[in-house]
Amino acid sequence: MTNYLVEPAPHIKSSLTTQKVMLHVIIAMLPTVLVSAYIYGLRALLTVVVCSAVCVLSELVFEKITKRPRTINDLSAVVTGILLAFNLPPTLPIYMAAIGSVVAIVVVKQFFGGIGQNFANPAITARIVLMLSFSSYMTTWSEPFYYKNTADAVSTATPLVSEKSFELFDLFFAKSGCIGECCNAALLLGGFYLIVTRIINPVTPIAYIGTVALLTWVSGGDVTLQVLAGGLILGAFFMATDYATTPIRTSGKLIFAVGCGLLTFLIRNFGSMPEGVSFSILIMNILTPYIDRLTASHPFGAKKEVKSK
């Protein structure tokens, strides 16, 4: 008689660690970091560095105080810091960016148990907290290359709400908005890298962007403007694909992405805010456990439980 040893999951071994995944994400974001420094000046680069440093420091201090295992080596705090900076205006006061970084790591991530246990994307949630706390600063945008002018900053509106027309070249390579929204070409390059390296499932960004494009086309809106003018590309490739806060299965990812696209369309067209990516992803983050339950697979041969009357 043969004895078998049954161990708890996971049973599939892989050389892909959390640190390697996060390193791939950082590499994918580097083109946008460099381009934003060129378009918005060193102030944008400083914001990225400060957010990343404060996120790492916040995680280290919190884990030391609570006597938890050190996790800064997995690079997830660095990724959170860069993503948060990508969601901030280039001229936002540095101390506000630091506050957002602490909120992202301590309140959203560590209070719920650390990496993999947070219910919402830390960078998105921190951005919304800053939006509600410092509304005027979080909605003050700068023209690309404003730092070359004699004035400290040239305020402008984002392409989504601006009355002037924008060339396709500008929407792809240099536009006003958050730090990470400035160059869609760089974001698409990073997104393509994540898909090729199989870090993210292409179903999510394709379904998210496709849903917004389809609904905009059906309603008679400007598809190009809605897809390229705001933070849709950034959200679809780098935030709606977060492992911890999005569904596990491909079918669940499809439902999640379509839900994000629908909410983004509704907020942009019927809400009081021109942009709806952050709120849409946050709402769908909350619904992720229900989507996972809905799309859960049953073990082969298992019988569904029949409720007695």
C-alpha atoms as a PDB file:
ATOM      1  CA  MET A   1       0.000   0.000   0.000  1.00  0.00           C
ATOM      2  CA  THR A   2       1.393   3.388  -1.042  1.00  0.00           C
ATOM      3  CA  ASN A   3       1.245   6.311   1.346  1.00  0.00           C
ATOM      4  CA  TYR A   4       0.706   9.757  -0.126  1.00  0.00           C
ATOM      5  CA  LEU A   5       1.640  13.008   1.572  1.00  0.00           C
ATOM      6  CA  VAL A   6      -0.916  15.769   0.980  1.00  0.00           C
ATOM      7  CA  GLU A   7       0.364  19.294   1.524  1.00  0.00           C
ATOM      8  CA  PRO A   8      -1.542  22.602   1.478  1.00  0.00           C
ATOM      9  CA  ALA A   9      -1.662  24.712  -1.707  1.00  0.00           C
ATOM     10  CA  PRO A  10      -0.056  26.070  -3.778  1.00  0.00           C
ATOM     11  CA  HIS A  11       1.081  22.932  -5.557  1.00  0.00           C
ATOM     12  CA  ILE A  12       2.500  24.637  -8.651  1.00  0.00           C
ATOM     13  CA  LYS A  13       6.095  25.733  -8.283  1.00  0.00           C
ATOM     14  CA  SER A  14       7.374  28.829 -10.054  1.00  0.00           C
ATOM     15  CA  SER A  15      10.563  30.860 -10.085  1.00  0.00           C
ATOM     16  CA  LEU A  16       8.502  34.056 -10.388  1.00  0.00           C
ATOM     17  CA  THR A  17       8.599  35.750  -6.993  1.00  0.00           C
ATOM     18  CA  THR A  18       6.838  38.870  -5.757  1.00  0.00           C
ATOM     19  CA  GLN A  19      10.108  40.757  -6.004  1.00  0.00           C
ATOM     20  CA  LYS A  20      10.577  39.757  -9.659  1.00  0.00           C
ATOM     21  CA  VAL A  21       6.996  40.735 -10.496  1.00  0.00           C
ATOM     22  CA  MET A  22       7.437  44.147  -8.897  1.00  0.00           C
ATOM     23  CA  LEU A  23      10.779  44.613 -10.635  1.00  0.00           C
ATOM     24  CA  HIS A  24       9.100  43.996 -13.992  1.00  0.00           C
ATOM     25  CA  VAL A  25       6.425  46.573 -13.130  1.00  0.00           C
ATOM     26  CA  ILE A  26       9.103  49.123 -12.172  1.00  0.00           C
ATOM     27  CA  ILE A  27      10.900  48.506 -15.470  1.00  0.00           C
ATOM     28  CA  ALA A  28       7.607  48.992 -17.310  1.00  0.00           C
ATOM     29  CA  MET A  29       7.050  52.345 -15.561  1.00  0.00           C
ATOM     30  CA  LEU A  30      10.562  53.696 -16.185  1.00  0.00           C
ATOM     31  CA  PRO A  31       9.783  55.115 -19.654  1.00  0.00           C
ATOM     32  CA  THR A  32       6.945  57.172 -18.175  1.00  0.00           C
ATOM     33  CA  VAL A  33       9.146  58.313 -15.286  1.00  0.00           C
ATOM     34  CA  LEU A  34      11.826  59.558 -17.689  1.00  0.00           C
ATOM     35  CA  VAL A  35       9.389  61.185 -20.115  1.00  0.00           C
ATOM     36  CA  SER A  36       7.505  62.921 -17.283  1.00  0.00           C
ATOM     37  CA  ALA A  37      10.796  64.384 -16.040  1.00  0.00           C
ATOM     38  CA  TYR A  38      11.357  65.797 -19.523  1.00  0.00           C
ATOM     39  CA  ILE A  39       7.807  67.121 -19.974  1.00  0.00           C
ATOM     40  CA  TYR A  40       7.230  68.455 -16.433  1.00  0.00           C
ATOM     41  CA  GLY A  41      10.798  69.010 -15.281  1.00  0.00           C
ATOM     42  CA  LEU A  42      12.713  67.742 -12.277  1.00  0.00           C
ATOM     43  CA  ARG A  43       9.766  68.552 -10.009  1.00  0.00           C
ATOM     44  CA  ALA A  44       7.943  65.538 -11.419  1.00  0.00           C
ATOM     45  CA  LEU A  45      10.981  63.326 -10.844  1.00  0.00           C
ATOM     46  CA  LEU A  46      11.280  64.651  -7.295  1.00  0.00           C
ATOM     47  CA  THR A  47       7.648  63.707  -6.623  1.00  0.00           C
ATOM     48  CA  VAL A  48       8.289  60.159  -7.846  1.00  0.00           C
ATOM     49  CA  VAL A  49      11.400  59.827  -5.671  1.00  0.00           C
ATOM     50  CA  VAL A  50       9.714  61.277  -2.571  1.00  0.00           C
ATOM     51  CA  CYS A  51       6.616  59.093  -2.900  1.00  0.00           C
ATOM     52  CA  SER A  52       8.714  55.960  -3.359  1.00  0.00           C
ATOM     53  CA  ALA A  53      11.039  56.798  -0.469  1.00  0.00           C
ATOM     54  CA  VAL A  54       8.210  57.678   1.943  1.00  0.00           C
ATOM     55  CA  CYS A  55       6.314  54.511   1.002  1.00  0.00           C
ATOM     56  CA  VAL A  56       9.351  52.335   1.729  1.00  0.00           C
ATOM     57  CA  LEU A  57      10.107  54.195   4.966  1.00  0.00           C
ATOM     58  CA  SER A  58       6.467  53.991   6.111  1.00  0.00           C
ATOM     59  CA  GLU A  59       6.414  50.239   5.544  1.00  0.00           C
ATOM     60  CA  LEU A  60       9.721  49.752   7.350  1.00  0.00           C
ATOM     61  CA  VAL A  61       8.723  51.846  10.380  1.00  0.00           C
ATOM     62  CA  PHE A  62       5.247  50.305  10.661  1.00  0.00           C
ATOM     63  CA  GLU A  63       6.596  46.755  10.496  1.00  0.00           C
ATOM     64  CA  LYS A  64       9.252  47.577  13.074  1.00  0.00           C
ATOM     65  CA  ILE A  65       6.692  49.059  15.470  1.00  0.00           C
ATOM     66  CA  THR A  66       4.273  46.148  15.030  1.00  0.00           C
ATOM     67  CA  LYS A  67       7.123  43.587  14.988  1.00  0.00           C
ATOM     68  CA  ARG A  68       6.061  42.171  11.650  1.00  0.00           C
ATOM     69  CA  PRO A  69       8.480  40.547   9.179  1.00  0.00           C
ATOM     70  CA  ARG A  70      10.300  43.035   6.925  1.00  0.00           C
ATOM     71  CA  THR A  71       8.810  43.154   3.441  1.00  0.00           C
ATOM     72  CA  ILE A  72      10.491  46.166   1.833  1.00  0.00           C
ATOM     73  CA  ASN A  73      12.711  43.850  -0.215  1.00  0.00           C
ATOM     74  CA  ASP A  74       9.723  42.693  -2.287  1.00  0.00           C
ATOM     75  CA  LEU A  75       9.669  46.180  -3.919  1.00  0.00           C
ATOM     76  CA  SER A  76       5.879  46.481  -3.631  1.00  0.00           C
ATOM     77  CA  ALA A  77       6.223  49.717  -1.643  1.00  0.00           C
ATOM     78  CA  VAL A  78       8.356  51.199  -4.421  1.00  0.00           C
ATOM     79  CA  VAL A  79       5.705  50.291  -6.992  1.00  0.00           C
ATOM     80  CA  THR A  80       2.997  51.880  -4.827  1.00  0.00           C
ATOM     81  CA  GLY A  81       5.063  55.055  -4.505  1.00  0.00           C
ATOM     82  CA  ILE A  82       5.626  55.382  -8.243  1.00  0.00           C
ATOM     83  CA  LEU A  83       1.966  54.695  -9.028  1.00  0.00           C
ATOM     84  CA  LEU A  84       0.842  57.276  -6.478  1.00  0.00           C
ATOM     85  CA  ALA A  85       3.187  59.857  -7.991  1.00  0.00           C
ATOM     86  CA  PHE A  86       1.783  59.021 -11.426  1.00  0.00           C
ATOM     87  CA  ASN A  87      -1.667  60.008 -10.117  1.00  0.00           C
ATOM     88  CA  LEU A  88      -0.590  63.417  -8.792  1.00  0.00           C
ATOM     89  CA  PRO A  89      -0.322  66.819 -10.513  1.00  0.00           C
ATOM     90  CA  PRO A  90       3.309  67.772 -11.241  1.00  0.00           C
ATOM     91  CA  THR A  91       3.189  70.890  -9.041  1.00  0.00           C
ATOM     92  CA  LEU A  92       1.517  69.326  -5.987  1.00  0.00           C
ATOM     93  CA  PRO A  93       3.340  70.373  -2.791  1.00  0.00           C
ATOM     94  CA  ILE A  94       5.795  67.684  -1.771  1.00  0.00           C
ATOM     95  CA  TYR A  95       4.438  67.380   1.770  1.00  0.00           C
ATOM     96  CA  MET A  96       1.017  66.452   0.352  1.00  0.00           C
ATOM     97  CA  ALA A  97       2.597  63.740  -1.754  1.00  0.00           C
ATOM     98  CA  ALA A  98       4.304  62.450   1.393  1.00  0.00           C
ATOM     99  CA  ILE A  99       0.983  62.383   3.269  1.00  0.00           C
ATOM    100  CA  GLY A 100      -0.572  60.379   0.450  1.00  0.00           C
ATOM    101  CA  SER A 101       2.324  57.910   0.579  1.00  0.00           C
ATOM    102  CA  VAL A 102       1.792  57.291   4.293  1.00  0.00           C
ATOM    103  CA  VAL A 103      -1.933  56.782   3.735  1.00  0.00           C
ATOM    104  CA  ALA A 104      -1.276  54.322   0.910  1.00  0.00           C
ATOM    105  CA  ILE A 105       1.121  52.127   2.884  1.00  0.00           C
ATOM    106  CA  VAL A 106      -0.030  52.392   6.492  1.00  0.00           C
ATOM    107  CA  VAL A 107      -3.798  52.853   6.211  1.00  0.00           C
ATOM    108  CA  VAL A 108      -4.659  50.983   3.013  1.00  0.00           C
ATOM    109  CA  LYS A 109      -1.981  48.299   2.938  1.00  0.00           C
ATOM    110  CA  GLN A 110      -0.571  47.535   6.385  1.00  0.00           C
ATOM    111  CA  PHE A 111      -3.741  48.042   8.444  1.00  0.00           C
ATOM    112  CA  PHE A 112      -5.305  45.216   6.443  1.00  0.00           C
ATOM    113  CA  GLY A 113      -2.412  42.804   6.851  1.00  0.00           C
ATOM    114  CA  GLY A 114       0.161  43.827   4.280  1.00  0.00           C
ATOM    115  CA  ILE A 115       0.759  42.867   0.673  1.00  0.00           C
ATOM    116  CA  GLY A 116      -1.913  40.651  -0.834  1.00  0.00           C
ATOM    117  CA  GLN A 117      -4.444  41.350   1.912  1.00  0.00           C
ATOM    118  CA  ASN A 118      -5.481  44.926   1.145  1.00  0.00           C
ATOM    119  CA  PHE A 119      -8.976  45.193  -0.321  1.00  0.00           C
ATOM    120  CA  ALA A 120      -8.243  48.234  -2.516  1.00  0.00           C
ATOM    121  CA  ASN A 121      -5.386  49.557  -4.582  1.00  0.00           C
ATOM    122  CA  PRO A 122      -3.242  51.664  -2.181  1.00  0.00           C
ATOM    123  CA  ALA A 123      -2.176  54.250  -4.758  1.00  0.00           C
ATOM    124  CA  ILE A 124      -5.713  54.842  -6.018  1.00  0.00           C
ATOM    125  CA  THR A 125      -7.174  55.090  -2.520  1.00  0.00           C
ATOM    126  CA  ALA A 126      -4.452  57.514  -1.431  1.00  0.00           C
ATOM    127  CA  ARG A 127      -5.125  59.647  -4.495  1.00  0.00           C
ATOM    128  CA  ILE A 128      -8.818  59.842  -3.638  1.00  0.00           C
ATOM    129  CA  VAL A 129      -7.975  60.787  -0.031  1.00  0.00           C
ATOM    130  CA  LEU A 130      -5.745  63.594  -1.308  1.00  0.00           C
ATOM    131  CA  MET A 131      -8.444  64.651  -3.770  1.00  0.00           C
ATOM    132  CA  LEU A 132     -10.971  65.012  -0.965  1.00  0.00           C
ATOM    133  CA  SER A 133      -8.481  66.686   1.390  1.00  0.00           C
ATOM    134  CA  PHE A 134      -6.678  69.067  -0.987  1.00  0.00           C
ATOM    135  CA  SER A 135      -9.132  69.512  -3.854  1.00  0.00           C
ATOM    136  CA  SER A 136      -7.747  72.741  -5.267  1.00  0.00           C
ATOM    137  CA  TYR A 137      -4.162  71.469  -5.353  1.00  0.00           C
ATOM    138  CA  MET A 138      -5.202  68.109  -6.807  1.00  0.00           C
ATOM    139  CA  THR A 139      -7.076  69.791  -9.673  1.00  0.00           C
ATOM    140  CA  THR A 140      -4.402  72.326 -10.633  1.00  0.00           C
ATOM    141  CA  TRP A 141      -2.666  71.211 -13.811  1.00  0.00           C
ATOM    142  CA  SER A 142       0.330  72.558 -15.668  1.00  0.00           C
ATOM    143  CA  GLU A 143       1.080  72.951 -19.340  1.00  0.00           C
ATOM    144  CA  PRO A 144       3.745  70.584 -20.710  1.00  0.00           C
ATOM    145  CA  PHE A 145       7.208  72.189 -20.465  1.00  0.00           C
ATOM    146  CA  TYR A 146       5.824  74.887 -18.153  1.00  0.00           C
ATOM    147  CA  TYR A 147       9.169  74.996 -16.341  1.00  0.00           C
ATOM    148  CA  LYS A 148      10.787  76.589 -19.405  1.00  0.00           C
ATOM    149  CA  ASN A 149       8.657  79.717 -18.889  1.00  0.00           C
ATOM    150  CA  THR A 150       9.563  82.536 -16.524  1.00  0.00           C
ATOM    151  CA  ALA A 151       6.464  81.932 -14.390  1.00  0.00           C
ATOM    152  CA  ASP A 152       6.465  79.218 -11.740  1.00  0.00           C
ATOM    153  CA  ALA A 153       3.678  77.347 -13.479  1.00  0.00           C
ATOM    154  CA  VAL A 154       1.166  77.821 -16.247  1.00  0.00           C
ATOM    155  CA  SER A 155      -2.166  76.479 -15.091  1.00  0.00           C
ATOM    156  CA  THR A 156      -4.385  74.773 -17.618  1.00  0.00           C
ATOM    157  CA  ALA A 157      -7.270  72.346 -17.908  1.00  0.00           C
ATOM    158  CA  THR A 158      -6.900  68.679 -18.744  1.00  0.00           C
ATOM    159  CA  PRO A 159      -7.823  67.710 -22.327  1.00  0.00           C
ATOM    160  CA  LEU A 160     -11.001  66.038 -21.035  1.00  0.00           C
ATOM    161  CA  VAL A 161     -12.495  69.378 -19.962  1.00  0.00           C
ATOM    162  CA  SER A 162     -10.582  71.818 -22.140  1.00  0.00           C
ATOM    163  CA  GLU A 163     -12.525  73.648 -24.830  1.00  0.00           C
ATOM    164  CA  LYS A 164      -9.609  73.754 -27.249  1.00  0.00           C
ATOM    165  CA  SER A 165      -8.902  70.935 -29.665  1.00  0.00           C
ATOM    166  CA  PHE A 166      -5.885  68.660 -29.296  1.00  0.00           C
ATOM    167  CA  GLU A 167      -3.774  67.042 -31.979  1.00  0.00           C
ATOM    168  CA  LEU A 168      -3.408  63.265 -31.888  1.00  0.00           C
ATOM    169  CA  PHE A 169       0.350  63.736 -31.519  1.00  0.00           C
ATOM    170  CA  ASP A 170      -0.111  65.776 -28.348  1.00  0.00           C
ATOM    171  CA  LEU A 171      -2.475  63.205 -26.825  1.00  0.00           C
ATOM    172  CA  PHE A 172       0.067  60.468 -27.447  1.00  0.00           C
ATOM    173  CA  PHE A 173       3.300  62.211 -26.511  1.00  0.00           C
ATOM    174  CA  ALA A 174       2.776  65.338 -24.379  1.00  0.00           C
ATOM    175  CA  LYS A 175      -0.402  66.496 -22.664  1.00  0.00           C
ATOM    176  CA  SER A 176      -1.432  68.122 -19.412  1.00  0.00           C
ATOM    177  CA  GLY A 177      -2.680  66.064 -16.505  1.00  0.00           C
ATOM    178  CA  CYS A 178      -1.169  63.939 -13.769  1.00  0.00           C
ATOM    179  CA  ILE A 179       2.505  63.018 -13.906  1.00  0.00           C
ATOM    180  CA  GLY A 180       1.809  59.521 -15.220  1.00  0.00           C
ATOM    181  CA  GLU A 181      -0.713  60.681 -17.826  1.00  0.00           C
ATOM    182  CA  CYS A 182       1.648  62.941 -19.742  1.00  0.00           C
ATOM    183  CA  CYS A 183       2.706  60.436 -22.421  1.00  0.00           C
ATOM    184  CA  ASN A 184       0.422  57.632 -23.563  1.00  0.00           C
ATOM    185  CA  ALA A 185       3.131  56.286 -25.855  1.00  0.00           C
ATOM    186  CA  ALA A 186       5.378  55.579 -22.864  1.00  0.00           C
ATOM    187  CA  LEU A 187       2.493  53.961 -20.964  1.00  0.00           C
ATOM    188  CA  LEU A 188       1.636  51.728 -23.917  1.00  0.00           C
ATOM    189  CA  LEU A 189       5.282  50.728 -24.225  1.00  0.00           C
ATOM    190  CA  GLY A 190       5.312  49.727 -20.560  1.00  0.00           C
ATOM    191  CA  GLY A 191       1.982  47.953 -20.876  1.00  0.00           C
ATOM    192  CA  PHE A 192       3.228  45.977 -23.881  1.00  0.00           C
ATOM    193  CA  TYR A 193       6.285  44.938 -21.846  1.00  0.00           C
ATOM    194  CA  LEU A 194       4.059  43.646 -19.022  1.00  0.00           C
ATOM    195  CA  ILE A 195       1.951  41.647 -21.475  1.00  0.00           C
ATOM    196  CA  VAL A 196       4.979  40.133 -23.251  1.00  0.00           C
ATOM    197  CA  THR A 197       6.554  39.122 -19.950  1.00  0.00           C
ATOM    198  CA  ARG A 198       3.156  37.717 -18.862  1.00  0.00           C
ATOM    199  CA  ILE A 199       3.032  39.862 -15.758  1.00  0.00           C
ATOM    200  CA  ILE A 200      -0.469  41.028 -16.610  1.00  0.00           C
ATOM    201  CA  ASN A 201      -3.361  39.446 -18.480  1.00  0.00           C
ATOM    202  CA  PRO A 202      -4.185  41.453 -21.645  1.00  0.00           C
ATOM    203  CA  VAL A 203      -7.898  40.790 -21.087  1.00  0.00           C
ATOM    204  CA  THR A 204      -8.124  43.532 -18.448  1.00  0.00           C
ATOM    205  CA  PRO A 205      -6.683  46.535 -20.344  1.00  0.00           C
ATOM    206  CA  ILE A 206      -8.284  45.506 -23.648  1.00  0.00           C
ATOM    207  CA  ALA A 207     -11.733  45.029 -22.100  1.00  0.00           C
ATOM    208  CA  TYR A 208     -11.466  48.195 -19.982  1.00  0.00           C
ATOM    209  CA  ILE A 209     -10.363  50.470 -22.823  1.00  0.00           C
ATOM    210  CA  GLY A 210     -12.679  48.722 -25.281  1.00  0.00           C
ATOM    211  CA  THR A 211     -15.722  49.218 -23.049  1.00  0.00           C
ATOM    212  CA  VAL A 212     -15.069  52.950 -22.684  1.00  0.00           C
ATOM    213  CA  ALA A 213     -14.457  53.265 -26.438  1.00  0.00           C
ATOM    214  CA  LEU A 214     -17.596  51.318 -27.363  1.00  0.00           C
ATOM    215  CA  LEU A 215     -19.903  53.212 -24.999  1.00  0.00           C
ATOM    216  CA  THR A 216     -18.456  56.538 -26.143  1.00  0.00           C
ATOM    217  CA  TRP A 217     -18.971  55.601 -29.797  1.00  0.00           C
ATOM    218  CA  VAL A 218     -22.552  54.454 -29.168  1.00  0.00           C
ATOM    219  CA  SER A 219     -23.343  57.708 -27.340  1.00  0.00           C
ATOM    220  CA  GLY A 220     -21.849  59.809 -30.131  1.00  0.00           C
ATOM    221  CA  GLY A 221     -18.843  61.046 -28.152  1.00  0.00           C
ATOM    222  CA  ASP A 222     -15.233  61.564 -29.187  1.00  0.00           C
ATOM    223  CA  VAL A 223     -13.653  58.115 -28.824  1.00  0.00           C
ATOM    224  CA  THR A 224     -10.073  59.305 -29.327  1.00  0.00           C
ATOM    225  CA  LEU A 225     -10.422  62.006 -26.688  1.00  0.00           C
ATOM    226  CA  GLN A 226     -12.040  59.706 -24.112  1.00  0.00           C
ATOM    227  CA  VAL A 227      -9.406  57.006 -24.551  1.00  0.00           C
ATOM    228  CA  LEU A 228      -6.274  59.160 -24.723  1.00  0.00           C
ATOM    229  CA  ALA A 229      -7.070  62.417 -22.909  1.00  0.00           C
ATOM    230  CA  GLY A 230      -7.370  61.240 -19.290  1.00  0.00           C
ATOM    231  CA  GLY A 231      -5.928  58.497 -17.127  1.00  0.00           C
ATOM    232  CA  LEU A 232      -7.580  55.546 -18.864  1.00  0.00           C
ATOM    233  CA  ILE A 233      -4.378  54.069 -20.319  1.00  0.00           C
ATOM    234  CA  LEU A 234      -2.568  54.419 -16.977  1.00  0.00           C
ATOM    235  CA  GLY A 235      -5.435  52.869 -15.045  1.00  0.00           C
ATOM    236  CA  ALA A 236      -6.072  50.038 -17.493  1.00  0.00           C
ATOM    237  CA  PHE A 237      -2.497  48.753 -17.664  1.00  0.00           C
ATOM    238  CA  PHE A 238      -1.039  49.580 -14.259  1.00  0.00           C
ATOM    239  CA  MET A 239      -3.860  49.778 -11.694  1.00  0.00           C
ATOM    240  CA  ALA A 240      -6.753  47.644 -12.888  1.00  0.00           C
ATOM    241  CA  THR A 241      -4.271  44.753 -13.154  1.00  0.00           C
ATOM    242  CA  ASP A 242      -3.187  44.752  -9.506  1.00  0.00           C
ATOM    243  CA  TYR A 243      -2.921  41.144  -8.323  1.00  0.00           C
ATOM    244  CA  ALA A 244      -4.267  41.628  -4.797  1.00  0.00           C
ATOM    245  CA  THR A 245      -7.344  43.718  -5.566  1.00  0.00           C
ATOM    246  CA  THR A 246      -8.626  42.236  -8.838  1.00  0.00           C
ATOM    247  CA  PRO A 247     -10.264  38.889  -9.667  1.00  0.00           C
ATOM    248  CA  ILE A 248      -8.161  35.760 -10.035  1.00  0.00           C
ATOM    249  CA  ARG A 249      -9.742  34.056 -13.044  1.00  0.00           C
ATOM    250  CA  THR A 250      -9.835  35.344 -16.605  1.00  0.00           C
ATOM    251  CA  SER A 251     -13.628  35.438 -16.633  1.00  0.00           C
ATOM    252  CA  GLY A 252     -13.548  37.486 -13.445  1.00  0.00           C
ATOM    253  CA  LYS A 253     -10.985  39.867 -14.917  1.00  0.00           C
ATOM    254  CA  LEU A 254     -13.275  40.385 -17.905  1.00  0.00           C
ATOM    255  CA  ILE A 255     -16.239  41.236 -15.657  1.00  0.00           C
ATOM    256  CA  PHE A 256     -14.021  43.516 -13.570  1.00  0.00           C
ATOM    257  CA  ALA A 257     -12.685  45.374 -16.618  1.00  0.00           C
ATOM    258  CA  VAL A 258     -16.099  45.835 -18.218  1.00  0.00           C
ATOM    259  CA  GLY A 259     -17.406  47.139 -14.882  1.00  0.00           C
ATOM    260  CA  CYS A 260     -14.529  49.625 -14.693  1.00  0.00           C
ATOM    261  CA  GLY A 261     -15.229  50.778 -18.233  1.00  0.00           C
ATOM    262  CA  LEU A 262     -18.950  51.205 -17.595  1.00  0.00           C
ATOM    263  CA  LEU A 263     -18.392  53.177 -14.383  1.00  0.00           C
ATOM    264  CA  THR A 264     -15.720  55.350 -15.996  1.00  0.00           C
ATOM    265  CA  PHE A 265     -18.107  56.212 -18.841  1.00  0.00           C
ATOM    266  CA  LEU A 266     -20.963  57.002 -16.456  1.00  0.00           C
ATOM    267  CA  ILE A 267     -18.852  59.177 -14.142  1.00  0.00           C
ATOM    268  CA  ARG A 268     -17.302  61.105 -17.018  1.00  0.00           C
ATOM    269  CA  ASN A 269     -20.595  61.755 -18.773  1.00  0.00           C
ATOM    270  CA  PHE A 270     -23.117  62.046 -15.944  1.00  0.00           C
ATOM    271  CA  GLY A 271     -21.041  62.817 -12.840  1.00  0.00           C
ATOM    272  CA  SER A 272     -19.665  66.089 -11.552  1.00  0.00           C
ATOM    273  CA  MET A 273     -16.056  65.049 -12.236  1.00  0.00           C
ATOM    274  CA  PRO A 274     -14.423  64.916 -15.680  1.00  0.00           C
ATOM    275  CA  GLU A 275     -12.349  61.861 -14.754  1.00  0.00           C
ATOM    276  CA  GLY A 276     -13.659  58.605 -13.332  1.00  0.00           C
ATOM    277  CA  VAL A 277     -10.851  56.054 -13.589  1.00  0.00           C
ATOM    278  CA  SER A 278      -9.764  56.081  -9.937  1.00  0.00           C
ATOM    279  CA  PHE A 279     -13.272  55.873  -8.493  1.00  0.00           C
ATOM    280  CA  SER A 280     -14.253  53.179 -10.979  1.00  0.00           C
ATOM    281  CA  ILE A 281     -11.323  50.924 -10.112  1.00  0.00           C
ATOM    282  CA  LEU A 282     -11.864  51.491  -6.377  1.00  0.00           C
ATOM    283  CA  ILE A 283     -15.541  50.513  -6.623  1.00  0.00           C
ATOM    284  CA  MET A 284     -14.687  47.380  -8.600  1.00  0.00           C
ATOM    285  CA  ASN A 285     -11.947  46.558  -6.064  1.00  0.00           C
ATOM    286  CA  ILE A 286     -14.662  46.377  -3.423  1.00  0.00           C
ATOM    287  CA  LEU A 287     -16.707  44.061  -5.651  1.00  0.00           C
ATOM    288  CA  THR A 288     -13.768  41.751  -6.418  1.00  0.00           C
ATOM    289  CA  PRO A 289     -14.580  39.123  -3.712  1.00  0.00           C
ATOM    290  CA  TYR A 290     -18.102  38.790  -5.117  1.00  0.00           C
ATOM    291  CA  ILE A 291     -16.797  38.477  -8.671  1.00  0.00           C
ATOM    292  CA  ASP A 292     -14.378  35.757  -7.540  1.00  0.00           C
ATOM    293  CA  ARG A 293     -17.238  33.916  -5.850  1.00  0.00           C
ATOM    294  CA  LEU A 294     -19.395  34.238  -8.956  1.00  0.00           C
ATOM    295  CA  THR A 295     -16.678  32.899 -11.268  1.00  0.00           C
ATOM    296  CA  ALA A 296     -15.317  30.218  -8.924  1.00  0.00           C
ATOM    297  CA  SER A 297     -14.702  26.849 -10.561  1.00  0.00           C
ATOM    298  CA  HIS A 298     -15.885  23.574  -9.031  1.00  0.00           C
ATOM    299  CA  PRO A 299     -13.526  20.618  -8.491  1.00  0.00           C
ATOM    300  CA  PHE A 300     -13.885  17.863 -11.076  1.00  0.00           C
ATOM    301  CA  GLY A 301     -16.481  15.357  -9.940  1.00  0.00           C
ATOM    302  CA  ALA A 302     -17.812  17.571  -7.158  1.00  0.00           C
ATOM    303  CA  LYS A 303     -21.543  17.761  -6.820  1.00  0.00           C
ATOM    304  CA  LYS A 304     -23.301  21.047  -6.263  1.00  0.00           C
ATOM    305  CA  GLU A 305     -24.920  21.367  -2.884  1.00  0.00           C
ATOM    306  CA  VAL A 306     -28.670  20.948  -3.133  1.00  0.00           C
ATOM    307  CA  LYS A 307     -30.634  22.978  -0.629  1.00  0.00           C
ATOM    308  CA  SER A 308     -33.467  21.092   1.022  1.00  0.00           C
ATOM    309  CA  LYS A 309     -36.861  22.693   1.018  1.00  0.00           C
END
